[in-house]
Amino acid sequence: MTLTWSLKRQLMFIGVFVLFLGTLGYMVISPIVNRLPTCEDGRQNGDEQGVDCGGSCALVCLYQVDQVSILWSRAFEVVPGRYNAVAYLENHNPTSAIRKIKYRFRFADEDNIYIGMREGETLVPPSAKFAVFEPALDFGNSAPVYVTFEFLETPVWVKAPEDRMRDINILVSEVTLENEATDPRLSAKIKNDSLFIVPDIDVVTLLYDENGNAISASRTYVEELKRGESKEITFTWPQGFKETIIAKEIIPMYDIFMANLK
């Protein structure tokens, strides 16, 4: 069959159009198909050990970490009818942290009847025992005898920066407790023994009796510790302790990711 000139021209136009569509499709699809793996593409690729986690990604896969242990949770009376609550926990993961996670305290009286709750957010430092502190709790005429603590969401674990893990050292020394039976006052020195500047440090203290039971707690705040800087910190209580204090534990809490060199 002999093609007419007009038919040849139509076929040529169709061929050019098909070629144009093919080129355009390749330009659109190729970057998607051939793009390099990232830690934010919603797929397990590259050296990832899960979807956007593990390997060189900042996020740690859930199966790679141990759960945080809740060692105990209690309420301590500060004055009649007013309490502080503390949960004492341990992160067993040496290089993984949680920057923010929601939690809940629940309280019940001596008959195990629910009397209230308190919710908040905390960080989880890498490889450490730490305390979650909630102050100024009032339950009316009820007293919190049973206290439970739980996290309210799936944790987002991240790798702690190796340089900060290696170099930052917050030291506590010169711990002194005075007037414990009448007007307790605990003082100490906190020092940043590193080249990093560490901001926003919550400091919790726990006091123990001769049997190793925590009998009271308090909290203070240090806005910033510059490199090599020391500061005095104090904790006070409005009434004396009935038990003899045998041991004191002071726990600095800070976001290791916020520490910087400038």
C-alpha atoms as a PDB file:
ATOM      1  CA  MET A   1       0.000   0.000   0.000  1.00  0.00           C
ATOM      2  CA  THR A   2       1.335   3.403  -0.949  1.00  0.00           C
ATOM      3  CA  LEU A   3       1.091   6.039   1.793  1.00  0.00           C
ATOM      4  CA  THR A   4      -0.140   9.430   0.783  1.00  0.00           C
ATOM      5  CA  TRP A   5       1.829  12.512   1.713  1.00  0.00           C
ATOM      6  CA  SER A   6      -0.859  13.653   4.179  1.00  0.00           C
ATOM      7  CA  LEU A   7      -0.920  10.237   5.919  1.00  0.00           C
ATOM      8  CA  LYS A   8       2.862  10.252   6.192  1.00  0.00           C
ATOM      9  CA  ARG A   9       2.680  13.667   7.804  1.00  0.00           C
ATOM     10  CA  GLN A  10       0.021  12.505  10.275  1.00  0.00           C
ATOM     11  CA  LEU A  11       2.107   9.461  11.211  1.00  0.00           C
ATOM     12  CA  MET A  12       5.135  11.682  11.690  1.00  0.00           C
ATOM     13  CA  PHE A  13       3.190  14.006  13.994  1.00  0.00           C
ATOM     14  CA  ILE A  14       1.881  11.001  15.957  1.00  0.00           C
ATOM     15  CA  GLY A  15       5.417   9.617  16.282  1.00  0.00           C
ATOM     16  CA  VAL A  16       6.764  12.950  17.499  1.00  0.00           C
ATOM     17  CA  PHE A  17       3.886  13.248  20.002  1.00  0.00           C
ATOM     18  CA  VAL A  18       4.452   9.706  21.321  1.00  0.00           C
ATOM     19  CA  LEU A  19       8.180  10.424  21.650  1.00  0.00           C
ATOM     20  CA  PHE A  20       7.391  13.646  23.515  1.00  0.00           C
ATOM     21  CA  LEU A  21       5.070  11.836  25.946  1.00  0.00           C
ATOM     22  CA  GLY A  22       7.643   9.103  26.485  1.00  0.00           C
ATOM     23  CA  THR A  23      10.387  11.641  27.208  1.00  0.00           C
ATOM     24  CA  LEU A  24       8.135  13.606  29.559  1.00  0.00           C
ATOM     25  CA  GLY A  25       7.078  10.435  31.397  1.00  0.00           C
ATOM     26  CA  TYR A  26      10.683   9.363  31.789  1.00  0.00           C
ATOM     27  CA  MET A  27      11.637  12.777  33.211  1.00  0.00           C
ATOM     28  CA  VAL A  28       8.807  12.573  35.766  1.00  0.00           C
ATOM     29  CA  ILE A  29       9.082   8.922  36.759  1.00  0.00           C
ATOM     30  CA  SER A  30      12.841   8.420  36.645  1.00  0.00           C
ATOM     31  CA  PRO A  31      13.678  10.626  39.671  1.00  0.00           C
ATOM     32  CA  ILE A  32      11.014   8.814  41.675  1.00  0.00           C
ATOM     33  CA  VAL A  33      12.163   5.345  40.691  1.00  0.00           C
ATOM     34  CA  ASN A  34      15.866   6.053  40.872  1.00  0.00           C
ATOM     35  CA  ARG A  35      16.057   8.532  43.756  1.00  0.00           C
ATOM     36  CA  LEU A  36      18.597   7.850  46.462  1.00  0.00           C
ATOM     37  CA  PRO A  37      17.327   6.301  49.706  1.00  0.00           C
ATOM     38  CA  THR A  38      16.631   8.727  52.566  1.00  0.00           C
ATOM     39  CA  CYS A  39      15.523   8.374  56.179  1.00  0.00           C
ATOM     40  CA  GLU A  40      12.260  10.182  55.412  1.00  0.00           C
ATOM     41  CA  ASP A  41      10.882   8.418  52.337  1.00  0.00           C
ATOM     42  CA  GLY A  42       8.579   5.976  54.137  1.00  0.00           C
ATOM     43  CA  ARG A  43      10.404   2.922  52.781  1.00  0.00           C
ATOM     44  CA  GLN A  44      13.008   0.490  54.106  1.00  0.00           C
ATOM     45  CA  ASN A  45      15.942   1.001  51.782  1.00  0.00           C
ATOM     46  CA  GLY A  46      19.631   1.852  51.863  1.00  0.00           C
ATOM     47  CA  ASP A  47      21.238   0.579  55.063  1.00  0.00           C
ATOM     48  CA  GLU A  48      18.048   0.982  57.112  1.00  0.00           C
ATOM     49  CA  GLN A  49      17.055  -1.819  59.484  1.00  0.00           C
ATOM     50  CA  GLY A  50      13.406  -0.775  59.488  1.00  0.00           C
ATOM     51  CA  VAL A  51      11.264   1.837  57.770  1.00  0.00           C
ATOM     52  CA  ASP A  52      13.257   5.067  58.106  1.00  0.00           C
ATOM     53  CA  CYS A  53      15.095   3.784  61.190  1.00  0.00           C
ATOM     54  CA  GLY A  54      18.330   2.027  62.083  1.00  0.00           C
ATOM     55  CA  GLY A  55      21.530   2.052  60.063  1.00  0.00           C
ATOM     56  CA  SER A  56      22.637   5.613  59.334  1.00  0.00           C
ATOM     57  CA  CYS A  57      19.221   7.075  60.252  1.00  0.00           C
ATOM     58  CA  ALA A  58      18.834   9.182  63.389  1.00  0.00           C
ATOM     59  CA  LEU A  59      15.742   7.233  64.456  1.00  0.00           C
ATOM     60  CA  VAL A  60      16.249   3.911  66.236  1.00  0.00           C
ATOM     61  CA  CYS A  61      13.906   1.021  65.391  1.00  0.00           C
ATOM     62  CA  LEU A  62      11.672  -0.083  68.260  1.00  0.00           C
ATOM     63  CA  TYR A  63      12.881  -3.679  68.082  1.00  0.00           C
ATOM     64  CA  GLN A  64      16.454  -2.451  68.668  1.00  0.00           C
ATOM     65  CA  VAL A  65      15.772  -0.959  72.110  1.00  0.00           C
ATOM     66  CA  ASP A  66      14.698  -2.195  75.531  1.00  0.00           C
ATOM     67  CA  GLN A  67      11.681  -0.694  77.241  1.00  0.00           C
ATOM     68  CA  VAL A  68      12.210   1.852  80.004  1.00  0.00           C
ATOM     69  CA  SER A  69      11.891   0.188  83.416  1.00  0.00           C
ATOM     70  CA  ILE A  70       9.585   1.773  85.994  1.00  0.00           C
ATOM     71  CA  LEU A  71      11.393   0.995  89.248  1.00  0.00           C
ATOM     72  CA  TRP A  72       8.842   2.656  91.533  1.00  0.00           C
ATOM     73  CA  SER A  73       6.317   5.496  91.726  1.00  0.00           C
ATOM     74  CA  ARG A  74       5.204   7.223  94.927  1.00  0.00           C
ATOM     75  CA  ALA A  75       3.596  10.316  96.403  1.00  0.00           C
ATOM     76  CA  PHE A  76       5.372  12.207  99.198  1.00  0.00           C
ATOM     77  CA  GLU A  77       3.497  14.493 101.575  1.00  0.00           C
ATOM     78  CA  VAL A  78       5.011  17.979 101.675  1.00  0.00           C
ATOM     79  CA  VAL A  79       2.522  19.580 104.081  1.00  0.00           C
ATOM     80  CA  PRO A  80      -0.828  18.150 105.209  1.00  0.00           C
ATOM     81  CA  GLY A  81      -2.969  17.672 102.097  1.00  0.00           C
ATOM     82  CA  ARG A  82      -0.232  18.608  99.605  1.00  0.00           C
ATOM     83  CA  TYR A  83       1.981  16.058  97.812  1.00  0.00           C
ATOM     84  CA  ASN A  84       4.796  15.664  95.314  1.00  0.00           C
ATOM     85  CA  ALA A  85       4.790  12.608  93.051  1.00  0.00           C
ATOM     86  CA  VAL A  86       7.870  10.873  91.682  1.00  0.00           C
ATOM     87  CA  ALA A  87       8.417   8.006  89.268  1.00  0.00           C
ATOM     88  CA  TYR A  88      11.901   6.491  89.344  1.00  0.00           C
ATOM     89  CA  LEU A  89      12.876   4.920  86.015  1.00  0.00           C
ATOM     90  CA  GLU A  90      15.821   3.429  84.172  1.00  0.00           C
ATOM     91  CA  ASN A  91      16.767   3.554  80.496  1.00  0.00           C
ATOM     92  CA  HIS A  92      18.850   0.459  79.699  1.00  0.00           C
ATOM     93  CA  ASN A  93      19.807   1.672  76.216  1.00  0.00           C
ATOM     94  CA  PRO A  94      23.328   3.111  76.292  1.00  0.00           C
ATOM     95  CA  THR A  95      23.172   5.243  73.142  1.00  0.00           C
ATOM     96  CA  SER A  96      19.448   5.894  72.610  1.00  0.00           C
ATOM     97  CA  ALA A  97      17.224   8.585  74.076  1.00  0.00           C
ATOM     98  CA  ILE A  98      13.674   9.950  73.859  1.00  0.00           C
ATOM     99  CA  ARG A  99      13.466  13.709  73.503  1.00  0.00           C
ATOM    100  CA  LYS A 100       9.823  13.979  74.537  1.00  0.00           C
ATOM    101  CA  ILE A 101       7.137  11.532  75.608  1.00  0.00           C
ATOM    102  CA  LYS A 102       3.793  11.979  77.362  1.00  0.00           C
ATOM    103  CA  TYR A 103       3.089  10.256  80.672  1.00  0.00           C
ATOM    104  CA  ARG A 104       0.404   9.868  83.319  1.00  0.00           C
ATOM    105  CA  PHE A 105       0.397   9.420  87.090  1.00  0.00           C
ATOM    106  CA  ARG A 106      -2.726   7.828  88.605  1.00  0.00           C
ATOM    107  CA  PHE A 107      -3.505   7.941  92.324  1.00  0.00           C
ATOM    108  CA  ALA A 108      -5.725   5.805  94.566  1.00  0.00           C
ATOM    109  CA  ASP A 109      -6.484   5.938  98.297  1.00  0.00           C
ATOM    110  CA  GLU A 110      -5.973   3.214 100.912  1.00  0.00           C
ATOM    111  CA  ASP A 111      -9.077   1.407  99.626  1.00  0.00           C
ATOM    112  CA  ASN A 112      -7.627   1.494  96.102  1.00  0.00           C
ATOM    113  CA  ILE A 113     -10.308   3.973  94.998  1.00  0.00           C
ATOM    114  CA  TYR A 114      -9.207   6.324  92.218  1.00  0.00           C
ATOM    115  CA  ILE A 115      -8.735   9.902  93.467  1.00  0.00           C
ATOM    116  CA  GLY A 116      -6.942  11.698  90.648  1.00  0.00           C
ATOM    117  CA  MET A 117      -4.258  11.827  87.985  1.00  0.00           C
ATOM    118  CA  ARG A 118      -1.588  14.130  86.583  1.00  0.00           C
ATOM    119  CA  GLU A 119      -0.232  14.139  83.039  1.00  0.00           C
ATOM    120  CA  GLY A 120       2.870  15.701  81.560  1.00  0.00           C
ATOM    121  CA  GLU A 121       5.852  15.270  79.235  1.00  0.00           C
ATOM    122  CA  THR A 122       9.395  14.204  79.959  1.00  0.00           C
ATOM    123  CA  LEU A 123      12.638  13.359  78.211  1.00  0.00           C
ATOM    124  CA  VAL A 124      14.391  10.013  78.625  1.00  0.00           C
ATOM    125  CA  PRO A 125      18.183  10.371  78.861  1.00  0.00           C
ATOM    126  CA  PRO A 126      20.445   7.673  77.411  1.00  0.00           C
ATOM    127  CA  SER A 127      21.747   4.936  79.703  1.00  0.00           C
ATOM    128  CA  ALA A 128      20.631   6.342  83.040  1.00  0.00           C
ATOM    129  CA  LYS A 129      18.346   6.142  86.020  1.00  0.00           C
ATOM    130  CA  PHE A 130      16.170   9.238  86.162  1.00  0.00           C
ATOM    131  CA  ALA A 131      13.137  10.692  87.895  1.00  0.00           C
ATOM    132  CA  VAL A 132       9.867  12.193  86.687  1.00  0.00           C
ATOM    133  CA  PHE A 133       8.659  14.772  89.216  1.00  0.00           C
ATOM    134  CA  GLU A 134       5.171  16.265  89.607  1.00  0.00           C
ATOM    135  CA  PRO A 135       4.718  18.913  92.335  1.00  0.00           C
ATOM    136  CA  ALA A 136       1.875  20.429  94.319  1.00  0.00           C
ATOM    137  CA  LEU A 137      -0.775  17.702  94.141  1.00  0.00           C
ATOM    138  CA  ASP A 138      -3.962  18.225  96.161  1.00  0.00           C
ATOM    139  CA  PHE A 139      -6.547  15.454  96.635  1.00  0.00           C
ATOM    140  CA  GLY A 140      -8.863  17.184  99.103  1.00  0.00           C
ATOM    141  CA  ASN A 141      -9.556  14.929 102.075  1.00  0.00           C
ATOM    142  CA  SER A 142      -8.063  11.863 100.376  1.00  0.00           C
ATOM    143  CA  ALA A 143      -4.488  10.621 100.663  1.00  0.00           C
ATOM    144  CA  PRO A 144      -2.661   8.946  97.742  1.00  0.00           C
ATOM    145  CA  VAL A 145      -1.507   5.530  98.932  1.00  0.00           C
ATOM    146  CA  TYR A 146      -1.218   3.755  95.574  1.00  0.00           C
ATOM    147  CA  VAL A 147       0.529   5.467  92.684  1.00  0.00           C
ATOM    148  CA  THR A 148       0.970   4.154  89.147  1.00  0.00           C
ATOM    149  CA  PHE A 149       2.944   5.626  86.263  1.00  0.00           C
ATOM    150  CA  GLU A 150       2.664   4.953  82.530  1.00  0.00           C
ATOM    151  CA  PHE A 151       3.732   6.354  79.204  1.00  0.00           C
ATOM    152  CA  LEU A 152       0.860   7.402  76.969  1.00  0.00           C
ATOM    153  CA  GLU A 153       2.369   7.025  73.504  1.00  0.00           C
ATOM    154  CA  THR A 154       4.759   4.931  71.488  1.00  0.00           C
ATOM    155  CA  PRO A 155       8.266   6.252  72.139  1.00  0.00           C
ATOM    156  CA  VAL A 156      10.335   7.822  69.385  1.00  0.00           C
ATOM    157  CA  TRP A 157      13.896   6.673  70.048  1.00  0.00           C
ATOM    158  CA  VAL A 158      16.809   8.610  68.579  1.00  0.00           C
ATOM    159  CA  LYS A 159      20.553   8.071  68.596  1.00  0.00           C
ATOM    160  CA  ALA A 160      22.316  10.206  71.183  1.00  0.00           C
ATOM    161  CA  PRO A 161      25.171  12.306  69.727  1.00  0.00           C
ATOM    162  CA  GLU A 162      28.428  10.437  70.310  1.00  0.00           C
ATOM    163  CA  ASP A 163      30.485  13.546  71.061  1.00  0.00           C
ATOM    164  CA  ARG A 164      28.061  14.726  73.753  1.00  0.00           C
ATOM    165  CA  MET A 165      27.741  11.232  75.215  1.00  0.00           C
ATOM    166  CA  ARG A 166      31.509  11.005  75.438  1.00  0.00           C
ATOM    167  CA  ASP A 167      32.338  14.484  76.678  1.00  0.00           C
ATOM    168  CA  ILE A 168      29.486  15.903  78.779  1.00  0.00           C
ATOM    169  CA  ASN A 169      29.866  15.226  82.485  1.00  0.00           C
ATOM    170  CA  ILE A 170      27.605  16.966  84.996  1.00  0.00           C
ATOM    171  CA  LEU A 171      29.106  16.520  88.463  1.00  0.00           C
ATOM    172  CA  VAL A 172      27.371  16.927  91.823  1.00  0.00           C
ATOM    173  CA  SER A 173      29.437  17.421  94.973  1.00  0.00           C
ATOM    174  CA  GLU A 174      29.436  18.942  98.459  1.00  0.00           C
ATOM    175  CA  VAL A 175      25.976  17.589  99.272  1.00  0.00           C
ATOM    176  CA  THR A 176      24.853  18.784 102.705  1.00  0.00           C
ATOM    177  CA  LEU A 177      21.522  18.329 104.498  1.00  0.00           C
ATOM    178  CA  GLU A 178      20.808  20.587 107.487  1.00  0.00           C
ATOM    179  CA  ASN A 179      17.976  20.872 110.016  1.00  0.00           C
ATOM    180  CA  GLU A 180      16.314  17.713 108.708  1.00  0.00           C
ATOM    181  CA  ALA A 181      14.028  17.344 111.746  1.00  0.00           C
ATOM    182  CA  THR A 182      12.743  20.936 111.726  1.00  0.00           C
ATOM    183  CA  ASP A 183      13.408  23.025 108.612  1.00  0.00           C
ATOM    184  CA  PRO A 184      15.232  20.828 106.066  1.00  0.00           C
ATOM    185  CA  ARG A 185      17.617  22.422 103.611  1.00  0.00           C
ATOM    186  CA  LEU A 186      19.799  20.475 101.208  1.00  0.00           C
ATOM    187  CA  SER A 187      22.612  22.234  99.356  1.00  0.00           C
ATOM    188  CA  ALA A 188      25.065  20.987  96.743  1.00  0.00           C
ATOM    189  CA  LYS A 189      27.381  22.138  94.000  1.00  0.00           C
ATOM    190  CA  ILE A 190      26.654  21.227  90.384  1.00  0.00           C
ATOM    191  CA  LYS A 191      29.431  21.539  87.800  1.00  0.00           C
ATOM    192  CA  ASN A 192      29.609  21.197  84.033  1.00  0.00           C
ATOM    193  CA  ASP A 193      32.904  19.389  83.527  1.00  0.00           C
ATOM    194  CA  SER A 194      32.957  19.671  79.726  1.00  0.00           C
ATOM    195  CA  LEU A 195      33.428  22.090  76.827  1.00  0.00           C
ATOM    196  CA  PHE A 196      29.715  22.041  75.989  1.00  0.00           C
ATOM    197  CA  ILE A 197      27.157  24.583  77.195  1.00  0.00           C
ATOM    198  CA  VAL A 198      24.259  22.715  78.813  1.00  0.00           C
ATOM    199  CA  PRO A 199      20.897  24.576  79.097  1.00  0.00           C
ATOM    200  CA  ASP A 200      17.658  23.852  80.958  1.00  0.00           C
ATOM    201  CA  ILE A 201      18.719  21.437  83.673  1.00  0.00           C
ATOM    202  CA  ASP A 202      16.020  20.047  85.972  1.00  0.00           C
ATOM    203  CA  VAL A 203      17.593  18.668  89.136  1.00  0.00           C
ATOM    204  CA  VAL A 204      15.646  16.193  91.288  1.00  0.00           C
ATOM    205  CA  THR A 205      16.776  15.034  94.705  1.00  0.00           C
ATOM    206  CA  LEU A 206      15.591  11.863  96.465  1.00  0.00           C
ATOM    207  CA  LEU A 207      16.104  11.203 100.169  1.00  0.00           C
ATOM    208  CA  TYR A 208      16.354   7.653 101.565  1.00  0.00           C
ATOM    209  CA  ASP A 209      16.035   6.073 105.020  1.00  0.00           C
ATOM    210  CA  GLU A 210      18.195   3.330 106.496  1.00  0.00           C
ATOM    211  CA  ASN A 211      16.225   0.651 104.647  1.00  0.00           C
ATOM    212  CA  GLY A 212      16.806   2.269 101.259  1.00  0.00           C
ATOM    213  CA  ASN A 213      13.232   3.537 100.992  1.00  0.00           C
ATOM    214  CA  ALA A 214      12.677   6.941  99.382  1.00  0.00           C
ATOM    215  CA  ILE A 215      10.907   9.160 101.930  1.00  0.00           C
ATOM    216  CA  SER A 216      10.889  12.543 100.207  1.00  0.00           C
ATOM    217  CA  ALA A 217      11.791  14.382  97.019  1.00  0.00           C
ATOM    218  CA  SER A 218      12.241  17.879  95.694  1.00  0.00           C
ATOM    219  CA  ARG A 219      13.242  19.657  92.492  1.00  0.00           C
ATOM    220  CA  THR A 220      15.118  22.763  91.401  1.00  0.00           C
ATOM    221  CA  TYR A 221      16.127  24.279  88.078  1.00  0.00           C
ATOM    222  CA  VAL A 222      19.399  25.521  86.565  1.00  0.00           C
ATOM    223  CA  GLU A 223      18.895  27.721  83.520  1.00  0.00           C
ATOM    224  CA  GLU A 224      22.341  27.056  82.038  1.00  0.00           C
ATOM    225  CA  LEU A 225      25.778  25.712  82.868  1.00  0.00           C
ATOM    226  CA  LYS A 226      28.570  27.078  80.738  1.00  0.00           C
ATOM    227  CA  ARG A 227      31.695  25.060  80.046  1.00  0.00           C
ATOM    228  CA  GLY A 228      33.552  24.439  83.308  1.00  0.00           C
ATOM    229  CA  GLU A 229      30.960  26.401  85.307  1.00  0.00           C
ATOM    230  CA  SER A 230      29.809  25.504  88.833  1.00  0.00           C
ATOM    231  CA  LYS A 231      26.664  26.678  90.616  1.00  0.00           C
ATOM    232  CA  GLU A 232      25.182  26.222  94.067  1.00  0.00           C
ATOM    233  CA  ILE A 233      21.789  24.524  94.190  1.00  0.00           C
ATOM    234  CA  THR A 234      19.415  24.230  97.140  1.00  0.00           C
ATOM    235  CA  PHE A 235      16.317  22.234  98.016  1.00  0.00           C
ATOM    236  CA  THR A 236      14.014  23.117 100.900  1.00  0.00           C
ATOM    237  CA  TRP A 237      11.029  21.536 102.631  1.00  0.00           C
ATOM    238  CA  PRO A 238       8.372  23.344 104.734  1.00  0.00           C
ATOM    239  CA  GLN A 239       8.410  20.769 107.542  1.00  0.00           C
ATOM    240  CA  GLY A 240      10.866  18.333 109.096  1.00  0.00           C
ATOM    241  CA  PHE A 241      11.267  14.623 108.391  1.00  0.00           C
ATOM    242  CA  LYS A 242      10.177  11.980 110.877  1.00  0.00           C
ATOM    243  CA  GLU A 243      12.685   9.447 109.562  1.00  0.00           C
ATOM    244  CA  THR A 244      16.465   9.771 109.674  1.00  0.00           C
ATOM    245  CA  ILE A 245      17.964  10.507 106.274  1.00  0.00           C
ATOM    246  CA  ILE A 246      20.758   8.091 105.445  1.00  0.00           C
ATOM    247  CA  ALA A 247      21.343   8.716 101.728  1.00  0.00           C
ATOM    248  CA  LYS A 248      20.740  11.496  99.219  1.00  0.00           C
ATOM    249  CA  GLU A 249      20.521  11.103  95.457  1.00  0.00           C
ATOM    250  CA  ILE A 250      20.686  14.081  93.117  1.00  0.00           C
ATOM    251  CA  ILE A 251      19.683  13.557  89.473  1.00  0.00           C
ATOM    252  CA  PRO A 252      20.384  16.249  86.839  1.00  0.00           C
ATOM    253  CA  MET A 253      18.013  15.982  83.861  1.00  0.00           C
ATOM    254  CA  TYR A 254      18.808  17.740  80.567  1.00  0.00           C
ATOM    255  CA  ASP A 255      18.282  17.314  76.841  1.00  0.00           C
ATOM    256  CA  ILE A 256      21.648  16.123  75.531  1.00  0.00           C
ATOM    257  CA  PHE A 257      20.669  17.267  72.042  1.00  0.00           C
ATOM    258  CA  MET A 258      20.421  20.883  73.234  1.00  0.00           C
ATOM    259  CA  ALA A 259      24.015  21.016  74.486  1.00  0.00           C
ATOM    260  CA  ASN A 260      26.256  23.076  72.212  1.00  0.00           C
ATOM    261  CA  LEU A 261      29.743  24.495  71.919  1.00  0.00           C
ATOM    262  CA  LYS A 262      28.723  28.140  71.392  1.00  0.00           C
END
